[in-house]
Amino acid sequence: MTAVLRSVFLGACLNLAMPVGAREAVRDQAADAAAPRLPEEVSSCAECHPETYAEWKASMHHGSWTSSLVQERLHRLKQDEASCAGCHAARLEFDGKGGVSRKARPSGRELGVSCRTCHCTADCIILGPRDPGLAKGGPGRSSVVAEAKAEALCRTCHEATQKSFDGRPTAMREKSCIDCHMPVAARAEAGAARPASQGDAITRRRHTFRGGHDADFVAGALRVTVAPDGAVSVVNVGAGHAIPFAPVRTLFVTMTARDDSGEILATERAEIGSKNPILAGAAWSGQSPMPKGTASVTARITYRLVDYQPEAEHMAVATVERRVR
């Protein structure tokens, strides 16, 4: 028996002798060892997809592990990193039937939610959007990341948002997660999806993943009005899910009455949290103080992304002012 055959035979025997859980752990480790090192893998994606890579590099998906907010929360909660890495530095696993599960990535966590998270199986088969025009689909083509099933990927980590999203009004049901968070863009990129020799731009999805960390994006989902009597309304006109949806996030509405000279006469602040969120298509209503001499009312919307974030760091979303006399 050659040395190679002896090695294979002994390995098989040892594997059979292991408990099931231990064998699964060994398989996971083997898959990680066989896969390309993450930094190099992501750089290789950039060679053919420079625009997409640049968008991802500037996104919160890239910073989902290294963000100071995330690292501070890990420090404060003294949690096992793996419990957070299951989303913030995840490795998705596809069952071949449209099902997706997630695990904490054992290495390369500094890349956050990277190309490999959504587009690569454990044995590094590349998954891309379903396109009937591609040469017989090719190896690794999968409907898992087709637009029709894109929510399955989002749902693996954004479970709280998805529960709210499932209850959205009928008028909002034509849109999926990616319609807002990954809008369509024209691409001139090459790559396996379309050789550069074919010329012309192709239609693909942006990988900016705009969301709650983007003030303009949040502002675009809300309509803020101030009535002549000082009544303030904040309507969720753009998001198919509640705002805010996470327990650590809070939307503040600061209502301020001023006199003709601009001096503040009175201020009142309301909090909108995950226990009283603004559901899709719904509105929050409040009343600004209106002491004698009030000439104008200002409604200022700010967003606290985590519960320990100092007020000075809250994100300014929108400010609306109205003359009331």
C-alpha atoms as a PDB file:
ATOM      1  CA  MET A   1       0.000   0.000   0.000  1.00  0.00           C
ATOM      2  CA  THR A   2       1.477   3.342  -0.972  1.00  0.00           C
ATOM      3  CA  ALA A   3       1.854   6.190   1.502  1.00  0.00           C
ATOM      4  CA  VAL A   4      -0.969   8.101  -0.225  1.00  0.00           C
ATOM      5  CA  LEU A   5      -3.379   5.156  -0.028  1.00  0.00           C
ATOM      6  CA  ARG A   6      -2.473   4.487   3.601  1.00  0.00           C
ATOM      7  CA  SER A   7      -3.187   8.155   4.381  1.00  0.00           C
ATOM      8  CA  VAL A   8      -6.584   8.054   2.662  1.00  0.00           C
ATOM      9  CA  PHE A   9      -7.501   4.746   4.353  1.00  0.00           C
ATOM     10  CA  LEU A  10      -6.506   5.927   7.832  1.00  0.00           C
ATOM     11  CA  GLY A  11      -8.293   9.228   7.341  1.00  0.00           C
ATOM     12  CA  ALA A  12     -11.505   7.451   6.392  1.00  0.00           C
ATOM     13  CA  CYS A  13     -11.290   5.166   9.421  1.00  0.00           C
ATOM     14  CA  LEU A  14     -10.658   8.052  11.795  1.00  0.00           C
ATOM     15  CA  ASN A  15     -13.571   9.986  10.305  1.00  0.00           C
ATOM     16  CA  LEU A  16     -15.958   7.068  10.866  1.00  0.00           C
ATOM     17  CA  ALA A  17     -14.788   6.760  14.464  1.00  0.00           C
ATOM     18  CA  MET A  18     -15.578  10.413  15.205  1.00  0.00           C
ATOM     19  CA  PRO A  19     -18.900  11.587  16.695  1.00  0.00           C
ATOM     20  CA  VAL A  20     -21.183  13.242  14.125  1.00  0.00           C
ATOM     21  CA  GLY A  21     -20.641  16.732  15.575  1.00  0.00           C
ATOM     22  CA  ALA A  22     -16.886  16.320  15.467  1.00  0.00           C
ATOM     23  CA  ARG A  23     -17.007  15.152  11.833  1.00  0.00           C
ATOM     24  CA  GLU A  24     -19.059  18.235  10.914  1.00  0.00           C
ATOM     25  CA  ALA A  25     -16.529  20.491  12.649  1.00  0.00           C
ATOM     26  CA  VAL A  26     -13.675  18.837  10.744  1.00  0.00           C
ATOM     27  CA  ARG A  27     -15.557  19.284   7.456  1.00  0.00           C
ATOM     28  CA  ASP A  28     -16.111  22.981   8.242  1.00  0.00           C
ATOM     29  CA  GLN A  29     -12.421  23.441   9.004  1.00  0.00           C
ATOM     30  CA  ALA A  30     -11.467  21.610   5.815  1.00  0.00           C
ATOM     31  CA  ALA A  31     -13.787  23.788   3.748  1.00  0.00           C
ATOM     32  CA  ASP A  32     -12.295  26.939   5.255  1.00  0.00           C
ATOM     33  CA  ALA A  33      -8.779  25.655   4.636  1.00  0.00           C
ATOM     34  CA  ALA A  34      -9.589  24.767   1.022  1.00  0.00           C
ATOM     35  CA  ALA A  35     -11.228  28.116   0.268  1.00  0.00           C
ATOM     36  CA  PRO A  36      -9.097  31.034  -0.912  1.00  0.00           C
ATOM     37  CA  ARG A  37      -7.884  33.411   1.792  1.00  0.00           C
ATOM     38  CA  LEU A  38     -10.587  36.037   2.075  1.00  0.00           C
ATOM     39  CA  PRO A  39      -8.567  39.210   1.423  1.00  0.00           C
ATOM     40  CA  GLU A  40      -7.168  37.736  -1.806  1.00  0.00           C
ATOM     41  CA  GLU A  41     -10.567  36.395  -2.815  1.00  0.00           C
ATOM     42  CA  VAL A  42     -12.227  39.793  -2.472  1.00  0.00           C
ATOM     43  CA  SER A  43      -9.398  41.485  -4.354  1.00  0.00           C
ATOM     44  CA  SER A  44      -9.817  38.978  -7.169  1.00  0.00           C
ATOM     45  CA  CYS A  45     -13.499  39.984  -7.421  1.00  0.00           C
ATOM     46  CA  ALA A  46     -12.423  43.608  -7.812  1.00  0.00           C
ATOM     47  CA  GLU A  47     -10.371  42.788 -10.894  1.00  0.00           C
ATOM     48  CA  CYS A  48     -13.499  42.177 -12.974  1.00  0.00           C
ATOM     49  CA  HIS A  49     -16.065  44.086 -10.922  1.00  0.00           C
ATOM     50  CA  PRO A  50     -14.316  47.352  -9.936  1.00  0.00           C
ATOM     51  CA  GLU A  51     -17.468  49.488  -9.645  1.00  0.00           C
ATOM     52  CA  THR A  52     -19.306  46.935  -7.554  1.00  0.00           C
ATOM     53  CA  TYR A  53     -16.238  46.394  -5.376  1.00  0.00           C
ATOM     54  CA  ALA A  54     -15.834  50.148  -4.780  1.00  0.00           C
ATOM     55  CA  GLU A  55     -19.475  50.439  -3.725  1.00  0.00           C
ATOM     56  CA  TRP A  56     -19.195  47.505  -1.331  1.00  0.00           C
ATOM     57  CA  LYS A  57     -15.901  48.829   0.081  1.00  0.00           C
ATOM     58  CA  ALA A  58     -17.653  52.079   1.082  1.00  0.00           C
ATOM     59  CA  SER A  59     -20.759  50.338   2.426  1.00  0.00           C
ATOM     60  CA  MET A  60     -21.833  49.333   5.919  1.00  0.00           C
ATOM     61  CA  HIS A  61     -21.683  45.704   4.818  1.00  0.00           C
ATOM     62  CA  HIS A  62     -17.925  46.111   4.539  1.00  0.00           C
ATOM     63  CA  GLY A  63     -17.821  47.845   7.932  1.00  0.00           C
ATOM     64  CA  SER A  64     -20.271  45.498   9.623  1.00  0.00           C
ATOM     65  CA  TRP A  65     -17.513  44.023  11.817  1.00  0.00           C
ATOM     66  CA  THR A  66     -14.911  46.796  12.069  1.00  0.00           C
ATOM     67  CA  SER A  67     -17.390  49.626  12.699  1.00  0.00           C
ATOM     68  CA  SER A  68     -16.662  51.397  15.986  1.00  0.00           C
ATOM     69  CA  LEU A  69     -20.352  51.037  16.897  1.00  0.00           C
ATOM     70  CA  VAL A  70     -20.169  47.255  16.537  1.00  0.00           C
ATOM     71  CA  GLN A  71     -16.838  46.897  18.324  1.00  0.00           C
ATOM     72  CA  GLU A  72     -18.021  49.135  21.167  1.00  0.00           C
ATOM     73  CA  ARG A  73     -21.135  47.018  21.574  1.00  0.00           C
ATOM     74  CA  LEU A  74     -19.049  43.839  21.702  1.00  0.00           C
ATOM     75  CA  HIS A  75     -16.943  45.424  24.417  1.00  0.00           C
ATOM     76  CA  ARG A  76     -19.927  46.664  26.422  1.00  0.00           C
ATOM     77  CA  LEU A  77     -21.931  43.446  26.251  1.00  0.00           C
ATOM     78  CA  LYS A  78     -18.882  41.238  26.764  1.00  0.00           C
ATOM     79  CA  GLN A  79     -20.466  38.804  24.321  1.00  0.00           C
ATOM     80  CA  ASP A  80     -18.852  35.854  22.656  1.00  0.00           C
ATOM     81  CA  GLU A  81     -17.706  37.272  19.336  1.00  0.00           C
ATOM     82  CA  ALA A  82     -19.070  34.285  17.437  1.00  0.00           C
ATOM     83  CA  SER A  83     -22.649  35.157  18.443  1.00  0.00           C
ATOM     84  CA  CYS A  84     -22.318  38.507  16.666  1.00  0.00           C
ATOM     85  CA  ALA A  85     -20.081  37.292  13.840  1.00  0.00           C
ATOM     86  CA  GLY A  86     -22.924  35.017  12.725  1.00  0.00           C
ATOM     87  CA  CYS A  87     -24.359  38.121  11.029  1.00  0.00           C
ATOM     88  CA  HIS A  88     -21.650  40.779  11.129  1.00  0.00           C
ATOM     89  CA  ALA A  89     -19.016  38.471   9.615  1.00  0.00           C
ATOM     90  CA  ALA A  90     -21.168  35.684   8.266  1.00  0.00           C
ATOM     91  CA  ARG A  91     -20.642  32.742   5.995  1.00  0.00           C
ATOM     92  CA  LEU A  92     -23.888  31.725   4.328  1.00  0.00           C
ATOM     93  CA  GLU A  93     -24.631  28.105   3.523  1.00  0.00           C
ATOM     94  CA  PHE A  94     -26.951  27.119   0.690  1.00  0.00           C
ATOM     95  CA  ASP A  95     -28.856  23.842   0.696  1.00  0.00           C
ATOM     96  CA  GLY A  96     -29.387  23.814  -3.079  1.00  0.00           C
ATOM     97  CA  LYS A  97     -33.174  24.120  -2.688  1.00  0.00           C
ATOM     98  CA  GLY A  98     -33.377  27.841  -2.041  1.00  0.00           C
ATOM     99  CA  GLY A  99     -32.734  27.548   1.692  1.00  0.00           C
ATOM    100  CA  VAL A 100     -30.011  29.598   3.350  1.00  0.00           C
ATOM    101  CA  SER A 101     -28.440  29.381   6.802  1.00  0.00           C
ATOM    102  CA  ARG A 102     -25.545  31.247   8.378  1.00  0.00           C
ATOM    103  CA  LYS A 103     -22.476  30.662  10.503  1.00  0.00           C
ATOM    104  CA  ALA A 104     -19.795  32.889  11.972  1.00  0.00           C
ATOM    105  CA  ARG A 105     -16.793  33.058   9.668  1.00  0.00           C
ATOM    106  CA  PRO A 106     -13.716  31.814  11.527  1.00  0.00           C
ATOM    107  CA  SER A 107     -11.318  34.105   9.653  1.00  0.00           C
ATOM    108  CA  GLY A 108     -11.339  37.269   7.576  1.00  0.00           C
ATOM    109  CA  ARG A 109     -13.920  38.918   9.820  1.00  0.00           C
ATOM    110  CA  GLU A 110     -12.424  42.333   9.121  1.00  0.00           C
ATOM    111  CA  LEU A 111     -14.114  42.156   5.707  1.00  0.00           C
ATOM    112  CA  GLY A 112     -17.559  42.114   7.310  1.00  0.00           C
ATOM    113  CA  VAL A 113     -20.299  40.959   4.942  1.00  0.00           C
ATOM    114  CA  SER A 114     -18.156  40.459   1.871  1.00  0.00           C
ATOM    115  CA  CYS A 115     -18.535  39.189  -1.693  1.00  0.00           C
ATOM    116  CA  ARG A 116     -18.005  35.660  -0.444  1.00  0.00           C
ATOM    117  CA  THR A 117     -20.806  35.917   2.121  1.00  0.00           C
ATOM    118  CA  CYS A 118     -23.561  36.090  -0.488  1.00  0.00           C
ATOM    119  CA  HIS A 119     -21.861  34.811  -3.636  1.00  0.00           C
ATOM    120  CA  CYS A 120     -19.716  31.873  -2.579  1.00  0.00           C
ATOM    121  CA  THR A 121     -20.520  28.418  -1.231  1.00  0.00           C
ATOM    122  CA  ALA A 122     -18.351  26.711   1.399  1.00  0.00           C
ATOM    123  CA  ASP A 123     -16.394  25.014  -1.386  1.00  0.00           C
ATOM    124  CA  CYS A 124     -16.149  28.318  -3.270  1.00  0.00           C
ATOM    125  CA  ILE A 125     -18.579  27.694  -6.102  1.00  0.00           C
ATOM    126  CA  ILE A 126     -19.513  31.177  -7.295  1.00  0.00           C
ATOM    127  CA  LEU A 127     -23.196  32.078  -7.171  1.00  0.00           C
ATOM    128  CA  GLY A 128     -24.566  34.864  -9.333  1.00  0.00           C
ATOM    129  CA  PRO A 129     -27.894  36.229 -10.550  1.00  0.00           C
ATOM    130  CA  ARG A 130     -29.925  33.864 -12.671  1.00  0.00           C
ATOM    131  CA  ASP A 131     -29.648  34.863 -16.317  1.00  0.00           C
ATOM    132  CA  PRO A 132     -31.185  32.561 -18.978  1.00  0.00           C
ATOM    133  CA  GLY A 133     -28.946  34.196 -21.581  1.00  0.00           C
ATOM    134  CA  LEU A 134     -25.781  32.833 -20.003  1.00  0.00           C
ATOM    135  CA  ALA A 135     -24.213  29.784 -21.627  1.00  0.00           C
ATOM    136  CA  LYS A 136     -26.386  27.024 -20.169  1.00  0.00           C
ATOM    137  CA  GLY A 137     -26.026  28.639 -16.752  1.00  0.00           C
ATOM    138  CA  GLY A 138     -22.460  27.408 -16.288  1.00  0.00           C
ATOM    139  CA  PRO A 139     -21.054  25.873 -13.101  1.00  0.00           C
ATOM    140  CA  GLY A 140     -22.109  27.625  -9.962  1.00  0.00           C
ATOM    141  CA  ARG A 141     -25.091  29.454 -11.450  1.00  0.00           C
ATOM    142  CA  SER A 142     -27.886  29.362  -8.915  1.00  0.00           C
ATOM    143  CA  SER A 143     -31.366  30.786  -8.509  1.00  0.00           C
ATOM    144  CA  VAL A 144     -30.586  31.265  -4.802  1.00  0.00           C
ATOM    145  CA  VAL A 145     -29.397  34.790  -5.469  1.00  0.00           C
ATOM    146  CA  ALA A 146     -31.891  35.471  -8.220  1.00  0.00           C
ATOM    147  CA  GLU A 147     -33.881  38.635  -7.621  1.00  0.00           C
ATOM    148  CA  ALA A 148     -37.038  36.601  -7.012  1.00  0.00           C
ATOM    149  CA  LYS A 149     -35.380  34.973  -3.995  1.00  0.00           C
ATOM    150  CA  ALA A 150     -33.107  37.782  -2.874  1.00  0.00           C
ATOM    151  CA  GLU A 151     -35.103  38.249   0.323  1.00  0.00           C
ATOM    152  CA  ALA A 152     -33.991  34.800   1.467  1.00  0.00           C
ATOM    153  CA  LEU A 153     -30.455  36.142   1.702  1.00  0.00           C
ATOM    154  CA  CYS A 154     -31.480  39.335   3.501  1.00  0.00           C
ATOM    155  CA  ARG A 155     -33.714  37.444   5.913  1.00  0.00           C
ATOM    156  CA  THR A 156     -30.869  35.274   7.268  1.00  0.00           C
ATOM    157  CA  CYS A 157     -29.536  38.278   9.218  1.00  0.00           C
ATOM    158  CA  HIS A 158     -32.231  40.949   9.030  1.00  0.00           C
ATOM    159  CA  GLU A 159     -34.906  38.836  10.696  1.00  0.00           C
ATOM    160  CA  ALA A 160     -36.505  41.624  12.738  1.00  0.00           C
ATOM    161  CA  THR A 161     -36.809  43.848   9.666  1.00  0.00           C
ATOM    162  CA  GLN A 162     -38.273  41.033   7.605  1.00  0.00           C
ATOM    163  CA  LYS A 163     -41.046  40.315  10.091  1.00  0.00           C
ATOM    164  CA  SER A 164     -42.112  43.936   9.802  1.00  0.00           C
ATOM    165  CA  PHE A 165     -41.642  43.849   6.023  1.00  0.00           C
ATOM    166  CA  ASP A 166     -43.966  40.849   5.709  1.00  0.00           C
ATOM    167  CA  GLY A 167     -46.786  42.964   7.132  1.00  0.00           C
ATOM    168  CA  ARG A 168     -46.378  45.887   4.738  1.00  0.00           C
ATOM    169  CA  PRO A 169     -49.433  47.381   2.990  1.00  0.00           C
ATOM    170  CA  THR A 170     -50.615  45.863  -0.285  1.00  0.00           C
ATOM    171  CA  ALA A 171     -49.506  48.971  -2.194  1.00  0.00           C
ATOM    172  CA  MET A 172     -45.898  48.297  -1.138  1.00  0.00           C
ATOM    173  CA  ARG A 173     -45.846  44.575  -1.908  1.00  0.00           C
ATOM    174  CA  GLU A 174     -44.518  44.960  -5.448  1.00  0.00           C
ATOM    175  CA  LYS A 175     -41.119  45.949  -4.072  1.00  0.00           C
ATOM    176  CA  SER A 176     -38.545  43.717  -2.411  1.00  0.00           C
ATOM    177  CA  CYS A 177     -35.599  44.552  -0.151  1.00  0.00           C
ATOM    178  CA  ILE A 178     -33.216  45.021  -3.059  1.00  0.00           C
ATOM    179  CA  ASP A 179     -35.462  47.459  -4.922  1.00  0.00           C
ATOM    180  CA  CYS A 180     -34.660  50.074  -2.261  1.00  0.00           C
ATOM    181  CA  HIS A 181     -31.326  48.907  -0.833  1.00  0.00           C
ATOM    182  CA  MET A 182     -29.752  47.671  -4.087  1.00  0.00           C
ATOM    183  CA  PRO A 183     -31.235  49.774  -6.907  1.00  0.00           C
ATOM    184  CA  VAL A 184     -30.541  48.944 -10.538  1.00  0.00           C
ATOM    185  CA  ALA A 185     -27.444  50.441 -12.144  1.00  0.00           C
ATOM    186  CA  ALA A 186     -25.779  50.236 -15.551  1.00  0.00           C
ATOM    187  CA  ARG A 187     -22.420  48.483 -15.434  1.00  0.00           C
ATOM    188  CA  ALA A 188     -19.588  48.493 -17.945  1.00  0.00           C
ATOM    189  CA  GLU A 189     -17.834  45.733 -16.022  1.00  0.00           C
ATOM    190  CA  ALA A 190     -16.514  42.537 -17.537  1.00  0.00           C
ATOM    191  CA  GLY A 191     -16.354  39.270 -15.670  1.00  0.00           C
ATOM    192  CA  ALA A 192     -17.947  35.868 -16.036  1.00  0.00           C
ATOM    193  CA  ALA A 193     -21.394  37.412 -16.382  1.00  0.00           C
ATOM    194  CA  ARG A 194     -20.487  39.328 -19.535  1.00  0.00           C
ATOM    195  CA  PRO A 195     -17.145  39.343 -21.342  1.00  0.00           C
ATOM    196  CA  ALA A 196     -15.789  42.799 -22.099  1.00  0.00           C
ATOM    197  CA  SER A 197     -15.741  41.859 -25.786  1.00  0.00           C
ATOM    198  CA  GLN A 198     -19.546  42.049 -25.825  1.00  0.00           C
ATOM    199  CA  GLY A 199     -19.345  45.769 -25.147  1.00  0.00           C
ATOM    200  CA  ASP A 200     -22.154  47.990 -23.874  1.00  0.00           C
ATOM    201  CA  ALA A 201     -23.174  48.349 -20.256  1.00  0.00           C
ATOM    202  CA  ILE A 202     -25.142  45.664 -18.471  1.00  0.00           C
ATOM    203  CA  THR A 203     -27.854  46.097 -15.865  1.00  0.00           C
ATOM    204  CA  ARG A 204     -26.857  45.026 -12.381  1.00  0.00           C
ATOM    205  CA  ARG A 205     -27.683  45.968  -8.797  1.00  0.00           C
ATOM    206  CA  ARG A 206     -25.753  48.537  -6.784  1.00  0.00           C
ATOM    207  CA  HIS A 207     -23.863  47.206  -3.767  1.00  0.00           C
ATOM    208  CA  THR A 208     -24.032  50.383  -1.684  1.00  0.00           C
ATOM    209  CA  PHE A 209     -26.555  48.796   0.713  1.00  0.00           C
ATOM    210  CA  ARG A 210     -27.910  52.166   1.813  1.00  0.00           C
ATOM    211  CA  GLY A 211     -29.896  51.937   5.039  1.00  0.00           C
ATOM    212  CA  GLY A 212     -30.294  53.340   8.540  1.00  0.00           C
ATOM    213  CA  HIS A 213     -26.748  54.714   8.618  1.00  0.00           C
ATOM    214  CA  ASP A 214     -27.481  57.005   5.654  1.00  0.00           C
ATOM    215  CA  ALA A 215     -29.251  60.228   6.687  1.00  0.00           C
ATOM    216  CA  ASP A 216     -30.479  61.103   3.186  1.00  0.00           C
ATOM    217  CA  PHE A 217     -31.804  57.581   2.688  1.00  0.00           C
ATOM    218  CA  VAL A 218     -33.766  57.678   5.952  1.00  0.00           C
ATOM    219  CA  ALA A 219     -35.043  61.178   5.159  1.00  0.00           C
ATOM    220  CA  GLY A 220     -36.320  59.930   1.813  1.00  0.00           C
ATOM    221  CA  ALA A 221     -38.508  57.383   3.591  1.00  0.00           C
ATOM    222  CA  LEU A 222     -40.164  59.943   5.885  1.00  0.00           C
ATOM    223  CA  ARG A 223     -42.526  62.839   5.199  1.00  0.00           C
ATOM    224  CA  VAL A 224     -42.420  65.431   7.981  1.00  0.00           C
ATOM    225  CA  THR A 225     -45.032  68.184   8.208  1.00  0.00           C
ATOM    226  CA  VAL A 226     -45.896  70.941  10.675  1.00  0.00           C
ATOM    227  CA  ALA A 227     -49.467  72.264  10.699  1.00  0.00           C
ATOM    228  CA  PRO A 228     -50.490  75.862  11.509  1.00  0.00           C
ATOM    229  CA  ASP A 229     -51.646  74.759  14.959  1.00  0.00           C
ATOM    230  CA  GLY A 230     -48.247  73.199  15.742  1.00  0.00           C
ATOM    231  CA  ALA A 231     -49.304  69.608  15.082  1.00  0.00           C
ATOM    232  CA  VAL A 232     -46.375  67.553  13.813  1.00  0.00           C
ATOM    233  CA  SER A 233     -46.679  64.490  11.608  1.00  0.00           C
ATOM    234  CA  VAL A 234     -44.012  61.996  10.545  1.00  0.00           C
ATOM    235  CA  VAL A 235     -45.236  59.542   7.911  1.00  0.00           C
ATOM    236  CA  ASN A 236     -43.377  56.426   6.767  1.00  0.00           C
ATOM    237  CA  VAL A 237     -43.942  56.821   3.029  1.00  0.00           C
ATOM    238  CA  GLY A 238     -40.898  55.000   1.671  1.00  0.00           C
ATOM    239  CA  ALA A 239     -39.865  52.048   3.834  1.00  0.00           C
ATOM    240  CA  GLY A 240     -41.726  48.771   3.511  1.00  0.00           C
ATOM    241  CA  HIS A 241     -40.831  48.011   7.126  1.00  0.00           C
ATOM    242  CA  ALA A 242     -41.149  49.786  10.455  1.00  0.00           C
ATOM    243  CA  ILE A 243     -38.872  52.699  11.401  1.00  0.00           C
ATOM    244  CA  PRO A 244     -37.066  52.066  13.643  1.00  0.00           C
ATOM    245  CA  PHE A 245     -37.099  48.267  13.707  1.00  0.00           C
ATOM    246  CA  ALA A 246     -34.146  47.375  15.984  1.00  0.00           C
ATOM    247  CA  PRO A 247     -34.340  47.637  19.801  1.00  0.00           C
ATOM    248  CA  VAL A 248     -31.105  49.645  19.936  1.00  0.00           C
ATOM    249  CA  ARG A 249     -32.345  52.369  17.573  1.00  0.00           C
ATOM    250  CA  THR A 250     -34.455  55.412  18.383  1.00  0.00           C
ATOM    251  CA  LEU A 251     -35.908  58.186  16.263  1.00  0.00           C
ATOM    252  CA  PHE A 252     -36.238  61.528  18.080  1.00  0.00           C
ATOM    253  CA  VAL A 253     -38.678  64.296  17.134  1.00  0.00           C
ATOM    254  CA  THR A 254     -37.705  67.604  18.730  1.00  0.00           C
ATOM    255  CA  MET A 255     -40.434  70.252  18.461  1.00  0.00           C
ATOM    256  CA  THR A 256     -39.417  73.826  19.194  1.00  0.00           C
ATOM    257  CA  ALA A 257     -41.501  77.002  19.431  1.00  0.00           C
ATOM    258  CA  ARG A 258     -39.770  80.316  18.663  1.00  0.00           C
ATOM    259  CA  ASP A 259     -40.814  83.978  18.759  1.00  0.00           C
ATOM    260  CA  ASP A 260     -40.347  86.527  15.967  1.00  0.00           C
ATOM    261  CA  SER A 261     -36.711  87.113  16.918  1.00  0.00           C
ATOM    262  CA  GLY A 262     -35.911  83.409  16.774  1.00  0.00           C
ATOM    263  CA  GLU A 263     -35.609  82.986  20.525  1.00  0.00           C
ATOM    264  CA  ILE A 264     -36.685  79.587  21.847  1.00  0.00           C
ATOM    265  CA  LEU A 265     -39.868  79.756  23.906  1.00  0.00           C
ATOM    266  CA  ALA A 266     -40.397  76.031  24.541  1.00  0.00           C
ATOM    267  CA  THR A 267     -39.118  72.636  23.418  1.00  0.00           C
ATOM    268  CA  GLU A 268     -40.508  69.151  23.653  1.00  0.00           C
ATOM    269  CA  ARG A 269     -38.909  65.917  22.490  1.00  0.00           C
ATOM    270  CA  ALA A 270     -40.646  62.651  21.623  1.00  0.00           C
ATOM    271  CA  GLU A 271     -39.019  59.230  21.232  1.00  0.00           C
ATOM    272  CA  ILE A 272     -40.014  56.684  18.617  1.00  0.00           C
ATOM    273  CA  GLY A 273     -38.486  53.278  19.328  1.00  0.00           C
ATOM    274  CA  SER A 274     -38.949  49.650  18.356  1.00  0.00           C
ATOM    275  CA  LYS A 275     -41.881  49.373  20.793  1.00  0.00           C
ATOM    276  CA  ASN A 276     -43.792  52.210  19.109  1.00  0.00           C
ATOM    277  CA  PRO A 277     -42.334  52.321  15.580  1.00  0.00           C
ATOM    278  CA  ILE A 278     -43.826  53.981  12.532  1.00  0.00           C
ATOM    279  CA  LEU A 279     -45.104  51.071  10.464  1.00  0.00           C
ATOM    280  CA  ALA A 280     -44.992  51.065   6.675  1.00  0.00           C
ATOM    281  CA  GLY A 281     -47.539  53.576   5.389  1.00  0.00           C
ATOM    282  CA  ALA A 282     -48.414  54.726   8.914  1.00  0.00           C
ATOM    283  CA  ALA A 283     -47.827  58.021  10.727  1.00  0.00           C
ATOM    284  CA  TRP A 284     -46.645  59.336  14.065  1.00  0.00           C
ATOM    285  CA  SER A 285     -48.417  62.455  15.356  1.00  0.00           C
ATOM    286  CA  GLY A 286     -47.314  64.902  18.018  1.00  0.00           C
ATOM    287  CA  GLN A 287     -48.021  68.415  19.225  1.00  0.00           C
ATOM    288  CA  SER A 288     -45.437  71.142  19.592  1.00  0.00           C
ATOM    289  CA  PRO A 289     -45.719  73.443  22.624  1.00  0.00           C
ATOM    290  CA  MET A 290     -47.342  76.724  21.570  1.00  0.00           C
ATOM    291  CA  PRO A 291     -46.797  79.311  24.332  1.00  0.00           C
ATOM    292  CA  LYS A 292     -47.942  82.893  23.885  1.00  0.00           C
ATOM    293  CA  GLY A 293     -45.812  84.731  21.364  1.00  0.00           C
ATOM    294  CA  THR A 294     -45.001  81.657  19.247  1.00  0.00           C
ATOM    295  CA  ALA A 295     -44.249  82.739  15.686  1.00  0.00           C
ATOM    296  CA  SER A 296     -42.786  79.545  14.248  1.00  0.00           C
ATOM    297  CA  VAL A 297     -42.495  75.843  15.024  1.00  0.00           C
ATOM    298  CA  THR A 298     -39.562  73.647  14.034  1.00  0.00           C
ATOM    299  CA  ALA A 299     -39.618  69.852  13.921  1.00  0.00           C
ATOM    300  CA  ARG A 300     -36.169  68.273  13.899  1.00  0.00           C
ATOM    301  CA  ILE A 301     -35.726  64.533  13.304  1.00  0.00           C
ATOM    302  CA  THR A 302     -32.594  62.791  14.587  1.00  0.00           C
ATOM    303  CA  TYR A 303     -31.663  59.112  14.701  1.00  0.00           C
ATOM    304  CA  ARG A 304     -29.756  57.276  17.432  1.00  0.00           C
ATOM    305  CA  LEU A 305     -28.218  54.170  15.902  1.00  0.00           C
ATOM    306  CA  VAL A 306     -27.287  52.433  19.167  1.00  0.00           C
ATOM    307  CA  ASP A 307     -28.613  52.931  22.683  1.00  0.00           C
ATOM    308  CA  TYR A 308     -25.302  54.212  24.128  1.00  0.00           C
ATOM    309  CA  GLN A 309     -24.547  56.710  21.340  1.00  0.00           C
ATOM    310  CA  PRO A 310     -23.955  60.248  22.713  1.00  0.00           C
ATOM    311  CA  GLU A 311     -26.550  62.805  21.649  1.00  0.00           C
ATOM    312  CA  ALA A 312     -23.916  64.849  19.845  1.00  0.00           C
ATOM    313  CA  GLU A 313     -23.394  61.880  17.530  1.00  0.00           C
ATOM    314  CA  HIS A 314     -27.044  61.289  16.691  1.00  0.00           C
ATOM    315  CA  MET A 315     -27.669  61.425  12.957  1.00  0.00           C
ATOM    316  CA  ALA A 316     -29.534  64.519  11.711  1.00  0.00           C
ATOM    317  CA  VAL A 317     -32.272  63.324   9.360  1.00  0.00           C
ATOM    318  CA  ALA A 318     -34.610  66.244   8.609  1.00  0.00           C
ATOM    319  CA  THR A 319     -35.670  69.682   9.834  1.00  0.00           C
ATOM    320  CA  VAL A 320     -38.968  71.343   8.931  1.00  0.00           C
ATOM    321  CA  GLU A 321     -39.946  74.857  10.038  1.00  0.00           C
ATOM    322  CA  ARG A 322     -43.320  76.573   9.719  1.00  0.00           C
ATOM    323  CA  ARG A 323     -44.560  80.057  10.476  1.00  0.00           C
ATOM    324  CA  VAL A 324     -47.703  79.778  12.574  1.00  0.00           C
ATOM    325  CA  ARG A 325     -48.578  83.443  12.680  1.00  0.00           C
END
